[in-house]
């Protein structure tokens, strides 16, 4: 079982910055991707950004140019630098990690952090 520990949420004024960090516990599995999702009450959880082990990245359109994701496969960490924050970025942010077994690479295992609140005031 993989545990993801998040840090870095908080309250910031519009236009400000926050940095979210996530560290995964040790596992015999290999990381396929790590990323960040967010959710507001009454809505589905949505992808904010993720980074694939090969180095490729994917961003939600509304955060492109403002958020930057970075990861370290060896340390099993992922970070999300959020700049020019807007009130609509307010949400609970969840770290996500997708693992695979090198002996059976098509089988994926998904893990979630406990969530960290980001609140952007106008």
C-alpha atoms as a PDB file:
ATOM      1  CA  UNK A   1       0.000   0.000   0.000  1.00  0.00           C
ATOM      2  CA  UNK A   2       1.375   3.381  -1.021  1.00  0.00           C
ATOM      3  CA  UNK A   3       0.805   6.436   1.128  1.00  0.00           C
ATOM      4  CA  UNK A   4       0.916   9.944  -0.285  1.00  0.00           C
ATOM      5  CA  UNK A   5       1.653  12.835   2.054  1.00  0.00           C
ATOM      6  CA  UNK A   6       0.774  16.319   0.852  1.00  0.00           C
ATOM      7  CA  UNK A   7       1.777  19.730   2.114  1.00  0.00           C
ATOM      8  CA  UNK A   8       1.600  23.347   1.060  1.00  0.00           C
ATOM      9  CA  UNK A   9      -2.046  24.311   0.921  1.00  0.00           C
ATOM     10  CA  UNK A  10      -3.340  27.495   2.479  1.00  0.00           C
ATOM     11  CA  UNK A  11      -5.043  30.818   1.963  1.00  0.00           C
ATOM     12  CA  UNK A  12      -3.683  33.367  -0.491  1.00  0.00           C
ATOM     13  CA  UNK A  13      -4.925  36.504  -2.170  1.00  0.00           C
ATOM     14  CA  UNK A  14      -5.695  36.549  -5.865  1.00  0.00           C
ATOM     15  CA  UNK A  15      -2.501  36.931  -7.853  1.00  0.00           C
ATOM     16  CA  UNK A  16      -0.440  35.184  -5.206  1.00  0.00           C
ATOM     17  CA  UNK A  17       1.455  31.917  -5.312  1.00  0.00           C
ATOM     18  CA  UNK A  18       1.455  28.607  -3.490  1.00  0.00           C
ATOM     19  CA  UNK A  19       3.526  25.471  -3.852  1.00  0.00           C
ATOM     20  CA  UNK A  20       2.074  22.040  -3.192  1.00  0.00           C
ATOM     21  CA  UNK A  21       4.325  19.080  -2.471  1.00  0.00           C
ATOM     22  CA  UNK A  22       3.636  15.381  -2.278  1.00  0.00           C
ATOM     23  CA  UNK A  23       5.848  12.506  -1.216  1.00  0.00           C
ATOM     24  CA  UNK A  24       5.078   8.837  -1.746  1.00  0.00           C
ATOM     25  CA  UNK A  25       6.073   6.050   0.592  1.00  0.00           C
ATOM     26  CA  UNK A  26       8.375   3.296  -0.573  1.00  0.00           C
ATOM     27  CA  UNK A  27       6.946   0.595  -2.771  1.00  0.00           C
ATOM     28  CA  UNK A  28       8.124  -2.348  -4.802  1.00  0.00           C
ATOM     29  CA  UNK A  29       5.987  -1.024  -7.630  1.00  0.00           C
ATOM     30  CA  UNK A  30       7.184   1.480 -10.210  1.00  0.00           C
ATOM     31  CA  UNK A  31       5.703   4.892 -10.805  1.00  0.00           C
ATOM     32  CA  UNK A  32       3.876   5.497 -14.057  1.00  0.00           C
ATOM     33  CA  UNK A  33       2.660   9.009 -13.289  1.00  0.00           C
ATOM     34  CA  UNK A  34       2.125  11.468 -10.464  1.00  0.00           C
ATOM     35  CA  UNK A  35      -0.093  14.487 -10.463  1.00  0.00           C
ATOM     36  CA  UNK A  36      -2.613  16.764  -8.854  1.00  0.00           C
ATOM     37  CA  UNK A  37      -6.384  16.801  -9.027  1.00  0.00           C
ATOM     38  CA  UNK A  38      -8.796  19.211  -7.419  1.00  0.00           C
ATOM     39  CA  UNK A  39     -12.371  19.109  -6.290  1.00  0.00           C
ATOM     40  CA  UNK A  40     -14.952  21.595  -5.105  1.00  0.00           C
ATOM     41  CA  UNK A  41     -18.101  20.532  -3.268  1.00  0.00           C
ATOM     42  CA  UNK A  42     -20.760  19.246  -5.594  1.00  0.00           C
ATOM     43  CA  UNK A  43     -18.429  18.779  -8.541  1.00  0.00           C
ATOM     44  CA  UNK A  44     -16.334  15.944  -9.876  1.00  0.00           C
ATOM     45  CA  UNK A  45     -12.658  15.728  -9.142  1.00  0.00           C
ATOM     46  CA  UNK A  46     -10.695  17.088 -12.095  1.00  0.00           C
ATOM     47  CA  UNK A  47      -7.145  16.776 -13.326  1.00  0.00           C
ATOM     48  CA  UNK A  48      -5.033  19.872 -12.747  1.00  0.00           C
ATOM     49  CA  UNK A  49      -1.649  18.602 -13.907  1.00  0.00           C
ATOM     50  CA  UNK A  50       0.286  15.393 -14.086  1.00  0.00           C
ATOM     51  CA  UNK A  51       3.726  14.227 -15.063  1.00  0.00           C
ATOM     52  CA  UNK A  52       4.497  10.899 -16.646  1.00  0.00           C
ATOM     53  CA  UNK A  53       7.616   8.959 -15.654  1.00  0.00           C
ATOM     54  CA  UNK A  54       8.987   9.559 -19.147  1.00  0.00           C
ATOM     55  CA  UNK A  55       8.857  13.296 -18.465  1.00  0.00           C
ATOM     56  CA  UNK A  56       5.752  14.265 -20.370  1.00  0.00           C
ATOM     57  CA  UNK A  57       3.282  16.636 -18.717  1.00  0.00           C
ATOM     58  CA  UNK A  58      -0.401  17.359 -19.012  1.00  0.00           C
ATOM     59  CA  UNK A  59      -2.253  20.440 -17.745  1.00  0.00           C
ATOM     60  CA  UNK A  60      -5.827  21.579 -17.410  1.00  0.00           C
ATOM     61  CA  UNK A  61      -6.308  24.351 -19.962  1.00  0.00           C
ATOM     62  CA  UNK A  62      -7.216  26.985 -17.394  1.00  0.00           C
ATOM     63  CA  UNK A  63      -3.947  26.565 -15.477  1.00  0.00           C
ATOM     64  CA  UNK A  64      -1.563  26.502 -18.415  1.00  0.00           C
ATOM     65  CA  UNK A  65       1.017  29.250 -18.107  1.00  0.00           C
ATOM     66  CA  UNK A  66       0.272  29.695 -14.409  1.00  0.00           C
ATOM     67  CA  UNK A  67       0.959  26.283 -12.849  1.00  0.00           C
ATOM     68  CA  UNK A  68       4.074  24.163 -13.240  1.00  0.00           C
ATOM     69  CA  UNK A  69       4.380  20.535 -12.227  1.00  0.00           C
ATOM     70  CA  UNK A  70       7.690  18.887 -11.427  1.00  0.00           C
ATOM     71  CA  UNK A  71       8.575  15.428 -10.257  1.00  0.00           C
ATOM     72  CA  UNK A  72      11.436  13.278  -9.100  1.00  0.00           C
ATOM     73  CA  UNK A  73      10.931   9.581  -9.783  1.00  0.00           C
ATOM     74  CA  UNK A  74      13.903   8.560  -7.670  1.00  0.00           C
ATOM     75  CA  UNK A  75      12.614  10.445  -4.633  1.00  0.00           C
ATOM     76  CA  UNK A  76       8.977   9.672  -5.472  1.00  0.00           C
ATOM     77  CA  UNK A  77       7.925  13.275  -5.083  1.00  0.00           C
ATOM     78  CA  UNK A  78       5.834  15.670  -7.111  1.00  0.00           C
ATOM     79  CA  UNK A  79       5.315  19.385  -6.686  1.00  0.00           C
ATOM     80  CA  UNK A  80       2.913  21.913  -8.156  1.00  0.00           C
ATOM     81  CA  UNK A  81       3.987  25.543  -8.315  1.00  0.00           C
ATOM     82  CA  UNK A  82       0.880  27.687  -8.613  1.00  0.00           C
ATOM     83  CA  UNK A  83       1.312  31.317  -9.654  1.00  0.00           C
ATOM     84  CA  UNK A  84      -1.181  34.050 -10.496  1.00  0.00           C
ATOM     85  CA  UNK A  85      -3.818  32.262  -8.473  1.00  0.00           C
ATOM     86  CA  UNK A  86      -7.465  33.087  -9.088  1.00  0.00           C
ATOM     87  CA  UNK A  87     -10.515  32.670  -6.853  1.00  0.00           C
ATOM     88  CA  UNK A  88     -11.722  29.932  -9.205  1.00  0.00           C
ATOM     89  CA  UNK A  89      -8.639  27.899  -8.265  1.00  0.00           C
ATOM     90  CA  UNK A  90     -10.111  27.474  -4.786  1.00  0.00           C
ATOM     91  CA  UNK A  91     -10.550  23.761  -4.133  1.00  0.00           C
ATOM     92  CA  UNK A  92      -9.282  20.753  -2.250  1.00  0.00           C
ATOM     93  CA  UNK A  93      -6.181  19.543  -4.083  1.00  0.00           C
ATOM     94  CA  UNK A  94      -5.334  15.846  -4.098  1.00  0.00           C
ATOM     95  CA  UNK A  95      -2.055  14.222  -4.933  1.00  0.00           C
ATOM     96  CA  UNK A  96      -2.409  11.226  -7.234  1.00  0.00           C
ATOM     97  CA  UNK A  97       0.046   8.486  -8.106  1.00  0.00           C
ATOM     98  CA  UNK A  98      -0.313   5.694 -10.619  1.00  0.00           C
ATOM     99  CA  UNK A  99       1.960   2.704 -10.184  1.00  0.00           C
ATOM    100  CA  UNK A 100       2.590  -0.457 -12.147  1.00  0.00           C
ATOM    101  CA  UNK A 101       4.250  -3.780 -11.554  1.00  0.00           C
ATOM    102  CA  UNK A 102       7.207  -4.147 -13.932  1.00  0.00           C
ATOM    103  CA  UNK A 103       6.363  -7.844 -14.228  1.00  0.00           C
ATOM    104  CA  UNK A 104       2.836  -6.972 -15.341  1.00  0.00           C
ATOM    105  CA  UNK A 105       3.106  -3.407 -16.701  1.00  0.00           C
ATOM    106  CA  UNK A 106      -0.455  -3.175 -18.042  1.00  0.00           C
ATOM    107  CA  UNK A 107      -1.906  -3.441 -14.545  1.00  0.00           C
ATOM    108  CA  UNK A 108      -2.057  -0.053 -12.865  1.00  0.00           C
ATOM    109  CA  UNK A 109      -2.571   0.893  -9.249  1.00  0.00           C
ATOM    110  CA  UNK A 110      -3.942   4.305  -8.287  1.00  0.00           C
ATOM    111  CA  UNK A 111      -3.398   6.020  -4.963  1.00  0.00           C
ATOM    112  CA  UNK A 112      -4.649   9.298  -3.507  1.00  0.00           C
ATOM    113  CA  UNK A 113      -3.449  11.682  -0.843  1.00  0.00           C
ATOM    114  CA  UNK A 114      -5.732  13.005   1.865  1.00  0.00           C
ATOM    115  CA  UNK A 115      -6.157  16.365   0.178  1.00  0.00           C
ATOM    116  CA  UNK A 116      -5.001  19.871   1.010  1.00  0.00           C
ATOM    117  CA  UNK A 117      -7.196  22.960   0.832  1.00  0.00           C
ATOM    118  CA  UNK A 118      -6.272  25.902  -1.363  1.00  0.00           C
ATOM    119  CA  UNK A 119      -8.329  29.043  -0.882  1.00  0.00           C
ATOM    120  CA  UNK A 120      -7.821  32.100  -3.070  1.00  0.00           C
ATOM    121  CA  UNK A 121      -9.510  35.272  -1.869  1.00  0.00           C
ATOM    122  CA  UNK A 122     -10.522  38.058  -4.207  1.00  0.00           C
END
